N, C-alpha and C. Protein backbone atom coordinates (compact mmCIF):
# COMPACT_ATOMS: atom_id res chain seq x y z
N MET A 1 0.85 -1.19 0.00
CA MET A 1 0.00 0.00 0.00
C MET A 1 0.88 1.24 0.00
N LYS A 2 0.55 2.20 -0.86
CA LYS A 2 1.31 3.44 -0.88
C LYS A 2 0.36 4.61 -1.10
N ALA A 3 0.76 5.77 -0.57
CA ALA A 3 -0.05 6.96 -0.70
C ALA A 3 -0.04 7.46 -2.14
N LEU A 4 -1.19 7.88 -2.61
CA LEU A 4 -1.31 8.45 -3.95
C LEU A 4 -1.00 9.94 -3.90
N ASP A 5 -0.23 10.41 -4.86
CA ASP A 5 0.10 11.83 -4.97
C ASP A 5 -1.10 12.55 -5.59
N ILE A 6 -2.02 13.00 -4.74
CA ILE A 6 -3.26 13.60 -5.23
C ILE A 6 -2.99 14.88 -6.01
N GLU A 7 -2.01 15.68 -5.59
CA GLU A 7 -1.75 16.96 -6.25
C GLU A 7 -1.36 16.78 -7.71
N ASN A 8 -0.72 15.67 -8.04
CA ASN A 8 -0.29 15.42 -9.42
C ASN A 8 -1.12 14.32 -10.10
N TRP A 9 -2.23 13.98 -9.50
CA TRP A 9 -3.12 12.95 -10.05
C TRP A 9 -3.98 13.57 -11.14
N LYS A 10 -4.10 12.90 -12.26
CA LYS A 10 -4.88 13.45 -13.38
C LYS A 10 -6.36 13.58 -13.06
N ARG A 11 -6.84 12.84 -12.05
CA ARG A 11 -8.25 12.91 -11.66
C ARG A 11 -8.46 13.78 -10.41
N LYS A 12 -7.52 14.64 -10.10
CA LYS A 12 -7.65 15.46 -8.89
C LYS A 12 -8.95 16.26 -8.89
N GLN A 13 -9.29 16.88 -10.01
CA GLN A 13 -10.49 17.71 -10.06
C GLN A 13 -11.76 16.88 -9.85
N GLN A 14 -11.80 15.70 -10.46
CA GLN A 14 -12.96 14.82 -10.29
C GLN A 14 -13.05 14.33 -8.85
N TYR A 15 -11.90 14.02 -8.26
CA TYR A 15 -11.87 13.58 -6.86
C TYR A 15 -12.39 14.69 -5.94
N GLU A 16 -11.90 15.90 -6.13
CA GLU A 16 -12.33 17.01 -5.28
C GLU A 16 -13.82 17.28 -5.45
N PHE A 17 -14.34 17.09 -6.65
CA PHE A 17 -15.75 17.35 -6.91
C PHE A 17 -16.66 16.35 -6.22
N PHE A 18 -16.32 15.07 -6.29
CA PHE A 18 -17.21 14.03 -5.79
C PHE A 18 -16.97 13.61 -4.35
N LYS A 19 -15.82 13.96 -3.77
CA LYS A 19 -15.46 13.39 -2.46
C LYS A 19 -16.39 13.84 -1.34
N THR A 20 -17.06 14.95 -1.49
CA THR A 20 -17.93 15.45 -0.43
C THR A 20 -19.40 15.08 -0.64
N TYR A 21 -19.70 14.34 -1.69
CA TYR A 21 -21.08 13.93 -1.94
C TYR A 21 -21.58 13.05 -0.79
N GLU A 22 -22.83 13.24 -0.43
CA GLU A 22 -23.43 12.38 0.58
C GLU A 22 -23.50 10.93 0.09
N ASP A 23 -23.81 10.76 -1.20
CA ASP A 23 -23.84 9.44 -1.82
C ASP A 23 -23.04 9.52 -3.13
N PRO A 24 -21.72 9.28 -3.07
CA PRO A 24 -20.88 9.41 -4.25
C PRO A 24 -20.78 8.16 -5.11
N PHE A 25 -21.60 7.15 -4.80
CA PHE A 25 -21.51 5.88 -5.53
C PHE A 25 -22.44 5.86 -6.74
N PHE A 26 -21.98 5.23 -7.83
CA PHE A 26 -22.85 4.97 -8.96
C PHE A 26 -22.76 3.50 -9.34
N ASN A 27 -23.82 3.01 -9.95
CA ASN A 27 -23.95 1.58 -10.23
C ASN A 27 -24.24 1.37 -11.71
N ILE A 28 -23.56 0.40 -12.29
CA ILE A 28 -23.80 0.00 -13.69
C ILE A 28 -24.01 -1.50 -13.71
N THR A 29 -25.05 -1.94 -14.42
CA THR A 29 -25.34 -3.37 -14.56
C THR A 29 -25.32 -3.74 -16.03
N SER A 30 -24.67 -4.84 -16.36
CA SER A 30 -24.59 -5.30 -17.73
C SER A 30 -24.59 -6.83 -17.74
N ASN A 31 -24.91 -7.41 -18.88
CA ASN A 31 -24.86 -8.86 -19.03
C ASN A 31 -23.52 -9.28 -19.62
N LEU A 32 -22.89 -10.27 -19.02
CA LEU A 32 -21.68 -10.87 -19.57
C LEU A 32 -22.04 -12.14 -20.31
N GLU A 33 -21.43 -12.37 -21.46
CA GLU A 33 -21.60 -13.62 -22.19
C GLU A 33 -20.61 -14.64 -21.63
N VAL A 34 -21.13 -15.72 -21.05
CA VAL A 34 -20.28 -16.63 -20.29
C VAL A 34 -20.32 -18.07 -20.79
N THR A 35 -20.80 -18.29 -22.00
CA THR A 35 -20.83 -19.66 -22.54
C THR A 35 -19.44 -20.28 -22.50
N ASN A 36 -18.46 -19.51 -22.92
CA ASN A 36 -17.09 -20.01 -22.96
C ASN A 36 -16.57 -20.34 -21.57
N LEU A 37 -16.87 -19.50 -20.60
CA LEU A 37 -16.45 -19.74 -19.22
C LEU A 37 -17.15 -20.97 -18.66
N TYR A 38 -18.44 -21.10 -18.92
CA TYR A 38 -19.22 -22.24 -18.43
C TYR A 38 -18.65 -23.55 -18.99
N ASP A 39 -18.38 -23.58 -20.29
CA ASP A 39 -17.83 -24.78 -20.93
C ASP A 39 -16.42 -25.08 -20.41
N TYR A 40 -15.63 -24.03 -20.18
CA TYR A 40 -14.27 -24.19 -19.68
C TYR A 40 -14.29 -24.82 -18.29
N CYS A 41 -15.22 -24.38 -17.46
CA CYS A 41 -15.34 -24.94 -16.10
C CYS A 41 -15.75 -26.41 -16.15
N LYS A 42 -16.68 -26.75 -17.04
CA LYS A 42 -17.09 -28.14 -17.20
C LYS A 42 -15.92 -29.00 -17.65
N LYS A 43 -15.16 -28.49 -18.58
CA LYS A 43 -14.02 -29.24 -19.14
C LYS A 43 -12.94 -29.50 -18.11
N HIS A 44 -12.69 -28.51 -17.23
CA HIS A 44 -11.57 -28.60 -16.28
C HIS A 44 -12.02 -28.85 -14.84
N ASN A 45 -13.29 -29.18 -14.66
CA ASN A 45 -13.83 -29.48 -13.33
C ASN A 45 -13.62 -28.32 -12.35
N LEU A 46 -13.91 -27.12 -12.82
CA LEU A 46 -13.80 -25.93 -11.99
C LEU A 46 -15.19 -25.50 -11.52
N SER A 47 -15.23 -24.86 -10.38
CA SER A 47 -16.48 -24.29 -9.89
C SER A 47 -16.83 -23.06 -10.72
N PHE A 48 -18.02 -23.05 -11.30
CA PHE A 48 -18.42 -21.91 -12.12
C PHE A 48 -18.55 -20.65 -11.27
N SER A 49 -19.08 -20.77 -10.07
CA SER A 49 -19.24 -19.59 -9.21
C SER A 49 -17.88 -19.01 -8.81
N LEU A 50 -16.93 -19.88 -8.47
CA LEU A 50 -15.59 -19.40 -8.15
C LEU A 50 -14.91 -18.81 -9.38
N ALA A 51 -15.16 -19.40 -10.55
CA ALA A 51 -14.58 -18.88 -11.78
C ALA A 51 -15.09 -17.47 -12.06
N CYS A 52 -16.35 -17.22 -11.78
CA CYS A 52 -16.90 -15.88 -11.95
C CYS A 52 -16.19 -14.89 -11.03
N LEU A 53 -15.96 -15.29 -9.78
CA LEU A 53 -15.24 -14.43 -8.86
C LEU A 53 -13.83 -14.15 -9.37
N TYR A 54 -13.19 -15.18 -9.91
CA TYR A 54 -11.83 -15.02 -10.39
C TYR A 54 -11.76 -14.05 -11.57
N VAL A 55 -12.68 -14.19 -12.50
CA VAL A 55 -12.68 -13.29 -13.67
C VAL A 55 -12.78 -11.84 -13.21
N ALA A 56 -13.67 -11.60 -12.25
CA ALA A 56 -13.85 -10.23 -11.76
C ALA A 56 -12.60 -9.72 -11.06
N ILE A 57 -12.06 -10.48 -10.11
CA ILE A 57 -10.95 -9.97 -9.33
C ILE A 57 -9.66 -9.91 -10.15
N LYS A 58 -9.50 -10.81 -11.12
CA LYS A 58 -8.34 -10.73 -12.01
C LYS A 58 -8.34 -9.41 -12.77
N CYS A 59 -9.48 -9.08 -13.37
CA CYS A 59 -9.56 -7.88 -14.19
C CYS A 59 -9.59 -6.61 -13.34
N ILE A 60 -10.16 -6.69 -12.16
CA ILE A 60 -10.13 -5.55 -11.24
C ILE A 60 -8.69 -5.21 -10.86
N ASN A 61 -7.87 -6.22 -10.63
CA ASN A 61 -6.48 -5.99 -10.25
C ASN A 61 -5.63 -5.45 -11.39
N GLU A 62 -6.17 -5.42 -12.59
CA GLU A 62 -5.45 -4.86 -13.74
C GLU A 62 -5.74 -3.37 -13.93
N ILE A 63 -6.63 -2.81 -13.11
CA ILE A 63 -7.05 -1.41 -13.29
C ILE A 63 -6.74 -0.64 -12.01
N LEU A 64 -5.88 0.35 -12.11
CA LEU A 64 -5.41 1.13 -10.96
C LEU A 64 -6.57 1.68 -10.14
N GLU A 65 -7.54 2.29 -10.81
CA GLU A 65 -8.61 3.00 -10.10
C GLU A 65 -9.41 2.08 -9.18
N PHE A 66 -9.51 0.81 -9.49
CA PHE A 66 -10.24 -0.13 -8.66
C PHE A 66 -9.44 -0.57 -7.44
N LYS A 67 -8.17 -0.18 -7.37
CA LYS A 67 -7.33 -0.54 -6.23
C LYS A 67 -7.02 0.66 -5.34
N LEU A 68 -7.74 1.76 -5.55
CA LEU A 68 -7.59 2.95 -4.71
C LEU A 68 -8.61 2.93 -3.58
N ARG A 69 -8.18 3.34 -2.40
CA ARG A 69 -9.07 3.42 -1.25
C ARG A 69 -8.82 4.73 -0.51
N ILE A 70 -9.86 5.21 0.14
CA ILE A 70 -9.79 6.47 0.87
C ILE A 70 -9.54 6.20 2.35
N LYS A 71 -8.61 6.95 2.93
CA LYS A 71 -8.40 6.96 4.37
C LYS A 71 -8.47 8.41 4.84
N SER A 72 -8.45 8.62 6.13
CA SER A 72 -8.62 9.96 6.68
C SER A 72 -7.54 10.93 6.23
N ASP A 73 -6.35 10.39 5.91
CA ASP A 73 -5.23 11.26 5.54
C ASP A 73 -4.92 11.23 4.05
N GLY A 74 -5.84 10.70 3.23
CA GLY A 74 -5.60 10.73 1.79
C GLY A 74 -6.09 9.49 1.07
N ILE A 75 -5.56 9.29 -0.14
CA ILE A 75 -5.91 8.12 -0.96
C ILE A 75 -4.71 7.19 -1.00
N TYR A 76 -5.00 5.89 -0.91
CA TYR A 76 -3.94 4.90 -0.95
C TYR A 76 -4.18 3.90 -2.06
N GLN A 77 -3.07 3.48 -2.66
CA GLN A 77 -3.11 2.50 -3.75
C GLN A 77 -2.56 1.17 -3.24
N PHE A 78 -3.35 0.11 -3.41
CA PHE A 78 -2.91 -1.23 -3.04
C PHE A 78 -2.29 -1.93 -4.25
N ASP A 79 -1.27 -2.75 -3.98
CA ASP A 79 -0.65 -3.52 -5.06
C ASP A 79 -1.65 -4.50 -5.66
N SER A 80 -2.45 -5.12 -4.79
CA SER A 80 -3.50 -6.03 -5.24
C SER A 80 -4.62 -6.03 -4.21
N VAL A 81 -5.79 -6.42 -4.64
CA VAL A 81 -6.94 -6.51 -3.73
C VAL A 81 -7.55 -7.90 -3.85
N ASN A 82 -8.18 -8.33 -2.77
CA ASN A 82 -8.84 -9.63 -2.73
C ASN A 82 -10.35 -9.44 -2.90
N ILE A 83 -11.08 -10.54 -2.84
CA ILE A 83 -12.53 -10.46 -3.01
C ILE A 83 -13.22 -11.17 -1.85
N GLY A 84 -14.17 -10.49 -1.26
CA GLY A 84 -14.98 -11.08 -0.21
C GLY A 84 -16.38 -11.32 -0.75
N SER A 85 -16.89 -12.52 -0.58
CA SER A 85 -18.16 -12.87 -1.19
C SER A 85 -19.12 -13.49 -0.18
N THR A 86 -20.40 -13.26 -0.41
CA THR A 86 -21.41 -13.94 0.39
C THR A 86 -21.41 -15.42 0.05
N VAL A 87 -21.69 -16.24 1.05
CA VAL A 87 -21.79 -17.70 0.88
C VAL A 87 -23.08 -18.15 1.55
N LEU A 88 -23.88 -18.91 0.81
CA LEU A 88 -25.17 -19.37 1.34
C LEU A 88 -24.96 -20.51 2.33
N ASN A 89 -25.57 -20.41 3.49
CA ASN A 89 -25.50 -21.47 4.50
C ASN A 89 -26.63 -22.47 4.29
N ASP A 90 -26.53 -23.61 4.97
CA ASP A 90 -27.53 -24.68 4.81
C ASP A 90 -28.92 -24.26 5.27
N ASP A 91 -28.98 -23.27 6.18
CA ASP A 91 -30.28 -22.83 6.69
C ASP A 91 -30.82 -21.62 5.92
N ASP A 92 -30.24 -21.35 4.74
CA ASP A 92 -30.64 -20.26 3.85
C ASP A 92 -30.30 -18.87 4.37
N THR A 93 -29.49 -18.78 5.43
CA THR A 93 -28.87 -17.51 5.80
C THR A 93 -27.56 -17.41 5.01
N PHE A 94 -26.83 -16.33 5.21
CA PHE A 94 -25.56 -16.23 4.50
C PHE A 94 -24.47 -15.74 5.43
N SER A 95 -23.25 -16.03 5.02
CA SER A 95 -22.06 -15.55 5.71
C SER A 95 -21.11 -14.99 4.66
N PHE A 96 -19.95 -14.55 5.12
CA PHE A 96 -18.96 -13.99 4.22
C PHE A 96 -17.70 -14.84 4.22
N CYS A 97 -17.10 -14.98 3.05
CA CYS A 97 -15.80 -15.63 2.92
C CYS A 97 -14.87 -14.72 2.12
N ASP A 98 -13.62 -14.66 2.54
CA ASP A 98 -12.61 -13.89 1.81
C ASP A 98 -11.80 -14.84 0.93
N PHE A 99 -11.63 -14.44 -0.32
CA PHE A 99 -10.87 -15.24 -1.28
C PHE A 99 -9.69 -14.39 -1.76
N THR A 100 -8.47 -14.85 -1.48
CA THR A 100 -7.29 -14.10 -1.87
C THR A 100 -7.05 -14.22 -3.37
N TYR A 101 -6.57 -13.14 -3.94
CA TYR A 101 -6.29 -13.13 -5.38
C TYR A 101 -5.15 -14.09 -5.70
N GLN A 102 -5.33 -14.88 -6.75
CA GLN A 102 -4.32 -15.83 -7.21
C GLN A 102 -4.00 -15.55 -8.68
N SER A 103 -2.84 -15.99 -9.11
CA SER A 103 -2.39 -15.65 -10.47
C SER A 103 -3.08 -16.46 -11.55
N THR A 104 -3.67 -17.62 -11.21
CA THR A 104 -4.36 -18.42 -12.21
C THR A 104 -5.74 -18.84 -11.71
N ILE A 105 -6.61 -19.16 -12.64
CA ILE A 105 -7.96 -19.59 -12.31
C ILE A 105 -7.93 -20.94 -11.58
N PHE A 106 -6.93 -21.75 -11.88
CA PHE A 106 -6.83 -23.07 -11.24
C PHE A 106 -6.42 -22.94 -9.78
N GLU A 107 -5.46 -22.06 -9.50
CA GLU A 107 -5.06 -21.83 -8.10
C GLU A 107 -6.22 -21.23 -7.31
N PHE A 108 -6.93 -20.29 -7.93
CA PHE A 108 -8.06 -19.66 -7.26
C PHE A 108 -9.14 -20.67 -6.94
N ASP A 109 -9.39 -21.59 -7.87
CA ASP A 109 -10.40 -22.63 -7.68
C ASP A 109 -10.01 -23.56 -6.53
N THR A 110 -8.78 -24.01 -6.52
CA THR A 110 -8.31 -24.93 -5.49
C THR A 110 -8.39 -24.30 -4.10
N ILE A 111 -7.86 -23.09 -3.97
CA ILE A 111 -7.86 -22.41 -2.67
C ILE A 111 -9.27 -21.99 -2.29
N GLY A 112 -10.06 -21.55 -3.27
CA GLY A 112 -11.42 -21.14 -3.00
C GLY A 112 -12.28 -22.27 -2.47
N LYS A 113 -12.14 -23.45 -3.05
CA LYS A 113 -12.89 -24.61 -2.57
C LYS A 113 -12.50 -24.97 -1.14
N GLN A 114 -11.23 -24.78 -0.80
CA GLN A 114 -10.78 -25.06 0.56
C GLN A 114 -11.34 -24.03 1.54
N VAL A 115 -11.41 -22.78 1.11
CA VAL A 115 -11.99 -21.72 1.95
C VAL A 115 -13.44 -22.04 2.27
N ILE A 116 -14.19 -22.48 1.26
CA ILE A 116 -15.60 -22.81 1.47
C ILE A 116 -15.75 -24.03 2.36
N GLU A 117 -14.89 -25.02 2.16
CA GLU A 117 -14.94 -26.23 2.98
C GLU A 117 -14.63 -25.90 4.45
N ASN A 118 -13.63 -25.06 4.66
CA ASN A 118 -13.31 -24.64 6.04
C ASN A 118 -14.45 -23.85 6.65
N HIS A 119 -15.10 -23.06 5.84
CA HIS A 119 -16.24 -22.27 6.31
C HIS A 119 -17.37 -23.17 6.79
N LYS A 120 -17.61 -24.25 6.06
CA LYS A 120 -18.69 -25.16 6.43
C LYS A 120 -18.43 -25.85 7.76
N LYS A 121 -17.17 -25.97 8.12
CA LYS A 121 -16.82 -26.64 9.38
C LYS A 121 -17.10 -25.74 10.59
N GLY A 122 -17.16 -24.45 10.36
CA GLY A 122 -17.39 -23.53 11.47
C GLY A 122 -17.93 -22.21 10.97
N VAL A 123 -19.21 -22.15 10.73
CA VAL A 123 -19.83 -20.97 10.12
C VAL A 123 -19.69 -19.75 11.02
N LYS A 124 -19.22 -18.65 10.44
CA LYS A 124 -19.13 -17.38 11.15
C LYS A 124 -19.68 -16.28 10.26
N PHE A 125 -20.37 -15.31 10.87
CA PHE A 125 -20.82 -14.14 10.14
C PHE A 125 -19.75 -13.07 10.33
N ASP A 126 -18.81 -12.99 9.41
CA ASP A 126 -17.64 -12.15 9.58
C ASP A 126 -17.50 -11.23 8.38
N PRO A 127 -18.05 -10.01 8.43
CA PRO A 127 -18.05 -9.12 7.27
C PRO A 127 -16.73 -8.41 6.98
N GLN A 128 -15.72 -8.55 7.84
CA GLN A 128 -14.41 -7.93 7.60
C GLN A 128 -14.55 -6.44 7.29
N GLU A 129 -15.28 -5.74 8.13
CA GLU A 129 -15.63 -4.35 7.84
C GLU A 129 -14.44 -3.39 7.85
N ASN A 130 -13.35 -3.74 8.52
CA ASN A 130 -12.21 -2.84 8.59
C ASN A 130 -11.17 -3.09 7.50
N GLU A 131 -11.40 -4.07 6.65
CA GLU A 131 -10.45 -4.40 5.60
C GLU A 131 -10.69 -3.52 4.39
N LEU A 132 -9.61 -2.93 3.86
CA LEU A 132 -9.74 -2.04 2.71
C LEU A 132 -9.28 -2.69 1.41
N ALA A 133 -8.30 -3.58 1.47
CA ALA A 133 -7.76 -4.20 0.26
C ALA A 133 -8.66 -5.33 -0.21
N ILE A 134 -9.91 -4.98 -0.50
CA ILE A 134 -10.90 -5.99 -0.83
C ILE A 134 -11.97 -5.39 -1.73
N VAL A 135 -12.65 -6.24 -2.45
CA VAL A 135 -13.85 -5.89 -3.20
C VAL A 135 -14.99 -6.73 -2.64
N HIS A 136 -16.10 -6.11 -2.35
CA HIS A 136 -17.25 -6.84 -1.80
C HIS A 136 -18.10 -7.41 -2.93
N CYS A 137 -18.44 -8.68 -2.81
CA CYS A 137 -19.21 -9.36 -3.85
C CYS A 137 -20.40 -10.09 -3.24
N SER A 138 -21.51 -10.06 -3.95
CA SER A 138 -22.67 -10.88 -3.61
C SER A 138 -23.09 -11.66 -4.85
N THR A 139 -23.78 -12.76 -4.63
CA THR A 139 -24.30 -13.55 -5.73
C THR A 139 -25.78 -13.81 -5.50
N LEU A 140 -26.58 -13.53 -6.52
CA LEU A 140 -28.02 -13.76 -6.47
C LEU A 140 -28.40 -14.72 -7.59
N PRO A 141 -28.12 -16.01 -7.40
CA PRO A 141 -28.35 -16.98 -8.48
C PRO A 141 -29.81 -17.25 -8.79
N TRP A 142 -30.71 -16.63 -8.04
CA TRP A 142 -32.15 -16.83 -8.24
C TRP A 142 -32.78 -15.74 -9.10
N ILE A 143 -32.02 -14.65 -9.36
CA ILE A 143 -32.61 -13.47 -9.98
C ILE A 143 -31.76 -13.00 -11.17
N SER A 144 -32.41 -12.82 -12.31
CA SER A 144 -31.74 -12.23 -13.46
C SER A 144 -32.05 -10.73 -13.46
N PHE A 145 -31.37 -9.99 -12.60
CA PHE A 145 -31.71 -8.59 -12.36
C PHE A 145 -31.17 -7.67 -13.46
N THR A 146 -31.74 -6.48 -13.54
CA THR A 146 -31.25 -5.45 -14.45
C THR A 146 -30.72 -4.23 -13.69
N SER A 147 -30.94 -4.19 -12.39
CA SER A 147 -30.36 -3.14 -11.55
C SER A 147 -30.38 -3.63 -10.11
N ILE A 148 -29.65 -2.93 -9.25
CA ILE A 148 -29.60 -3.35 -7.85
C ILE A 148 -29.20 -2.15 -6.99
N LYS A 149 -29.67 -2.14 -5.75
CA LYS A 149 -29.28 -1.12 -4.78
C LYS A 149 -28.76 -1.82 -3.54
N HIS A 150 -27.62 -1.36 -3.04
CA HIS A 150 -26.99 -1.99 -1.89
C HIS A 150 -27.45 -1.35 -0.58
N ALA A 151 -27.51 -2.17 0.46
CA ALA A 151 -27.70 -1.65 1.81
C ALA A 151 -26.40 -0.99 2.25
N ARG A 152 -26.52 0.17 2.94
CA ARG A 152 -25.31 0.89 3.35
C ARG A 152 -25.45 1.42 4.78
N LYS A 153 -24.33 1.43 5.50
CA LYS A 153 -24.31 1.94 6.87
C LYS A 153 -24.19 3.47 6.90
N GLY A 154 -23.56 4.04 5.88
CA GLY A 154 -23.39 5.48 5.82
C GLY A 154 -21.96 5.94 5.90
N ASP A 155 -21.02 5.03 6.24
CA ASP A 155 -19.62 5.42 6.34
C ASP A 155 -18.79 4.96 5.14
N GLU A 156 -19.45 4.34 4.15
CA GLU A 156 -18.71 3.75 3.03
C GLU A 156 -18.02 4.79 2.14
N ALA A 157 -18.58 6.02 2.12
CA ALA A 157 -17.99 7.07 1.29
C ALA A 157 -16.57 7.41 1.75
N GLY A 158 -16.25 7.11 3.00
CA GLY A 158 -14.91 7.36 3.53
C GLY A 158 -13.94 6.23 3.30
N LYS A 159 -14.35 5.23 2.50
CA LYS A 159 -13.48 4.08 2.19
C LYS A 159 -13.34 3.87 0.69
N GLY A 160 -14.47 3.85 -0.02
CA GLY A 160 -14.44 3.70 -1.48
C GLY A 160 -14.29 2.28 -1.97
N ILE A 161 -14.74 1.30 -1.20
CA ILE A 161 -14.62 -0.10 -1.60
C ILE A 161 -15.67 -0.43 -2.67
N PRO A 162 -15.26 -0.96 -3.83
CA PRO A 162 -16.23 -1.33 -4.85
C PRO A 162 -17.09 -2.51 -4.41
N LYS A 163 -18.30 -2.56 -4.93
CA LYS A 163 -19.20 -3.69 -4.69
C LYS A 163 -19.63 -4.25 -6.05
N ILE A 164 -19.58 -5.57 -6.17
CA ILE A 164 -20.03 -6.23 -7.40
C ILE A 164 -21.06 -7.30 -7.04
N VAL A 165 -21.92 -7.60 -7.99
CA VAL A 165 -22.94 -8.63 -7.78
C VAL A 165 -23.12 -9.43 -9.06
N TYR A 166 -23.16 -10.75 -8.93
CA TYR A 166 -23.53 -11.64 -10.03
C TYR A 166 -24.96 -12.11 -9.84
N GLY A 167 -25.70 -12.23 -10.95
CA GLY A 167 -27.07 -12.69 -10.88
C GLY A 167 -27.25 -14.09 -11.43
N LYS A 168 -28.46 -14.40 -11.86
CA LYS A 168 -28.84 -15.73 -12.32
C LYS A 168 -28.33 -16.00 -13.74
N LEU A 169 -27.72 -17.15 -13.93
CA LEU A 169 -27.29 -17.58 -15.25
C LEU A 169 -28.53 -17.86 -16.11
N PHE A 170 -28.55 -17.32 -17.34
CA PHE A 170 -29.67 -17.58 -18.24
C PHE A 170 -29.16 -17.74 -19.67
N THR A 171 -30.01 -18.27 -20.53
CA THR A 171 -29.64 -18.50 -21.92
C THR A 171 -30.51 -17.64 -22.83
N GLU A 172 -29.86 -16.97 -23.77
CA GLU A 172 -30.55 -16.12 -24.74
C GLU A 172 -29.94 -16.37 -26.11
N ASN A 173 -30.76 -16.85 -27.04
CA ASN A 173 -30.28 -17.19 -28.39
C ASN A 173 -29.08 -18.14 -28.33
N GLU A 174 -29.20 -19.14 -27.46
CA GLU A 174 -28.20 -20.19 -27.28
C GLU A 174 -26.89 -19.69 -26.68
N ILE A 175 -26.89 -18.48 -26.17
CA ILE A 175 -25.71 -17.91 -25.52
C ILE A 175 -25.99 -17.78 -24.03
N LYS A 176 -25.11 -18.35 -23.21
CA LYS A 176 -25.26 -18.22 -21.75
C LYS A 176 -24.79 -16.84 -21.31
N LYS A 177 -25.62 -16.21 -20.49
CA LYS A 177 -25.31 -14.87 -20.00
C LYS A 177 -25.55 -14.80 -18.50
N ILE A 178 -24.93 -13.80 -17.88
CA ILE A 178 -25.12 -13.61 -16.45
C ILE A 178 -25.10 -12.11 -16.16
N PRO A 179 -26.06 -11.61 -15.37
CA PRO A 179 -26.03 -10.19 -15.00
C PRO A 179 -24.85 -9.91 -14.07
N PHE A 180 -24.24 -8.75 -14.28
CA PHE A 180 -23.09 -8.36 -13.47
C PHE A 180 -23.22 -6.89 -13.12
N SER A 181 -23.25 -6.59 -11.83
CA SER A 181 -23.40 -5.21 -11.35
C SER A 181 -22.09 -4.73 -10.74
N VAL A 182 -21.75 -3.48 -11.03
CA VAL A 182 -20.56 -2.84 -10.48
C VAL A 182 -20.97 -1.53 -9.82
N GLU A 183 -20.61 -1.35 -8.55
CA GLU A 183 -20.88 -0.09 -7.86
C GLU A 183 -19.58 0.47 -7.33
N VAL A 184 -19.28 1.72 -7.69
CA VAL A 184 -17.98 2.31 -7.35
C VAL A 184 -18.15 3.74 -6.86
N HIS A 185 -17.13 4.23 -6.18
CA HIS A 185 -17.07 5.59 -5.63
C HIS A 185 -16.60 6.52 -6.75
N HIS A 186 -17.44 7.52 -7.09
CA HIS A 186 -17.13 8.37 -8.24
C HIS A 186 -15.93 9.28 -8.02
N ALA A 187 -15.51 9.47 -6.78
CA ALA A 187 -14.30 10.24 -6.54
C ALA A 187 -13.05 9.46 -6.96
N LEU A 188 -13.18 8.14 -7.07
CA LEU A 188 -12.05 7.28 -7.41
C LEU A 188 -12.16 6.67 -8.81
N VAL A 189 -13.37 6.43 -9.25
CA VAL A 189 -13.60 5.66 -10.47
C VAL A 189 -14.66 6.34 -11.33
N ASP A 190 -14.44 6.35 -12.64
CA ASP A 190 -15.40 6.90 -13.59
C ASP A 190 -16.08 5.79 -14.39
N GLY A 191 -17.10 6.16 -15.14
CA GLY A 191 -17.77 5.20 -16.01
C GLY A 191 -16.81 4.60 -17.02
N PHE A 192 -15.82 5.38 -17.46
CA PHE A 192 -14.81 4.87 -18.39
C PHE A 192 -14.12 3.64 -17.82
N HIS A 193 -13.75 3.70 -16.54
CA HIS A 193 -13.03 2.59 -15.92
C HIS A 193 -13.92 1.36 -15.75
N VAL A 194 -15.20 1.58 -15.47
CA VAL A 194 -16.14 0.46 -15.40
C VAL A 194 -16.26 -0.18 -16.78
N GLY A 195 -16.29 0.65 -17.82
CA GLY A 195 -16.33 0.12 -19.18
C GLY A 195 -15.11 -0.72 -19.51
N VAL A 196 -13.94 -0.25 -19.07
CA VAL A 196 -12.71 -1.02 -19.28
C VAL A 196 -12.79 -2.36 -18.56
N LEU A 197 -13.30 -2.34 -17.32
CA LEU A 197 -13.43 -3.58 -16.56
C LEU A 197 -14.33 -4.58 -17.28
N LEU A 198 -15.50 -4.14 -17.68
CA LEU A 198 -16.45 -5.04 -18.35
C LEU A 198 -15.86 -5.58 -19.66
N ASN A 199 -15.18 -4.73 -20.39
CA ASN A 199 -14.56 -5.15 -21.65
C ASN A 199 -13.45 -6.16 -21.40
N ASN A 200 -12.62 -5.90 -20.38
CA ASN A 200 -11.52 -6.82 -20.07
C ASN A 200 -12.04 -8.18 -19.59
N MET A 201 -13.11 -8.16 -18.79
CA MET A 201 -13.70 -9.40 -18.33
C MET A 201 -14.22 -10.22 -19.50
N GLN A 202 -14.91 -9.55 -20.42
CA GLN A 202 -15.45 -10.27 -21.58
C GLN A 202 -14.33 -10.81 -22.47
N GLN A 203 -13.29 -10.04 -22.65
CA GLN A 203 -12.16 -10.50 -23.46
C GLN A 203 -11.47 -11.71 -22.83
N TYR A 204 -11.31 -11.68 -21.50
CA TYR A 204 -10.69 -12.81 -20.83
C TYR A 204 -11.54 -14.07 -20.97
N ILE A 205 -12.84 -13.92 -20.76
CA ILE A 205 -13.76 -15.06 -20.92
C ILE A 205 -13.68 -15.62 -22.34
N ASP A 206 -13.69 -14.74 -23.32
CA ASP A 206 -13.66 -15.18 -24.72
C ASP A 206 -12.35 -15.85 -25.09
N SER A 207 -11.27 -15.55 -24.34
CA SER A 207 -9.94 -16.09 -24.68
C SER A 207 -9.69 -17.47 -24.09
N LEU A 208 -10.57 -17.95 -23.20
CA LEU A 208 -10.36 -19.24 -22.55
C LEU A 208 -10.45 -20.39 -23.56
């Protein structure tokens, strides 16, 4: 983690404009074409849900703006960020699991499955609220949504942690698709950067 030189940052004006907003977050939802990812997971015995998490966190770690976080004394840039995701419990409640970023989808799958297995042995509701080097993720496999609004405590504007959500897998014209929502702090991230993320995710999926 290192401090960002705000005075010489090309987005200084945008940061100064949005940082005092009561609600500086904006949300974009789009459908990803995931037929290739789905088939790749079947071929290599990978978890499709973990693969979706990997695609997101891999591409997020390739974009500087998604690794910036706000602290009381300025903006900090992390070398890499991990992903924390909701996990459904047997009683239909949910808990949180943290998945560390790995360099390959296979490593992420192996370690991710172990994280989930360990979680099942001792369920804890642990939201990791003080962790900054993370992206918050939820999965709604029952709903093919077109928009979403997150519950908020009110202090998130002072952190700038992105939130992503995956929805229900569906088929359209023989192409498998999945809704994907991105919510980011506008003082740190613009629509351009969200567009880069979505494009990079689709390109990675198509290259498998």
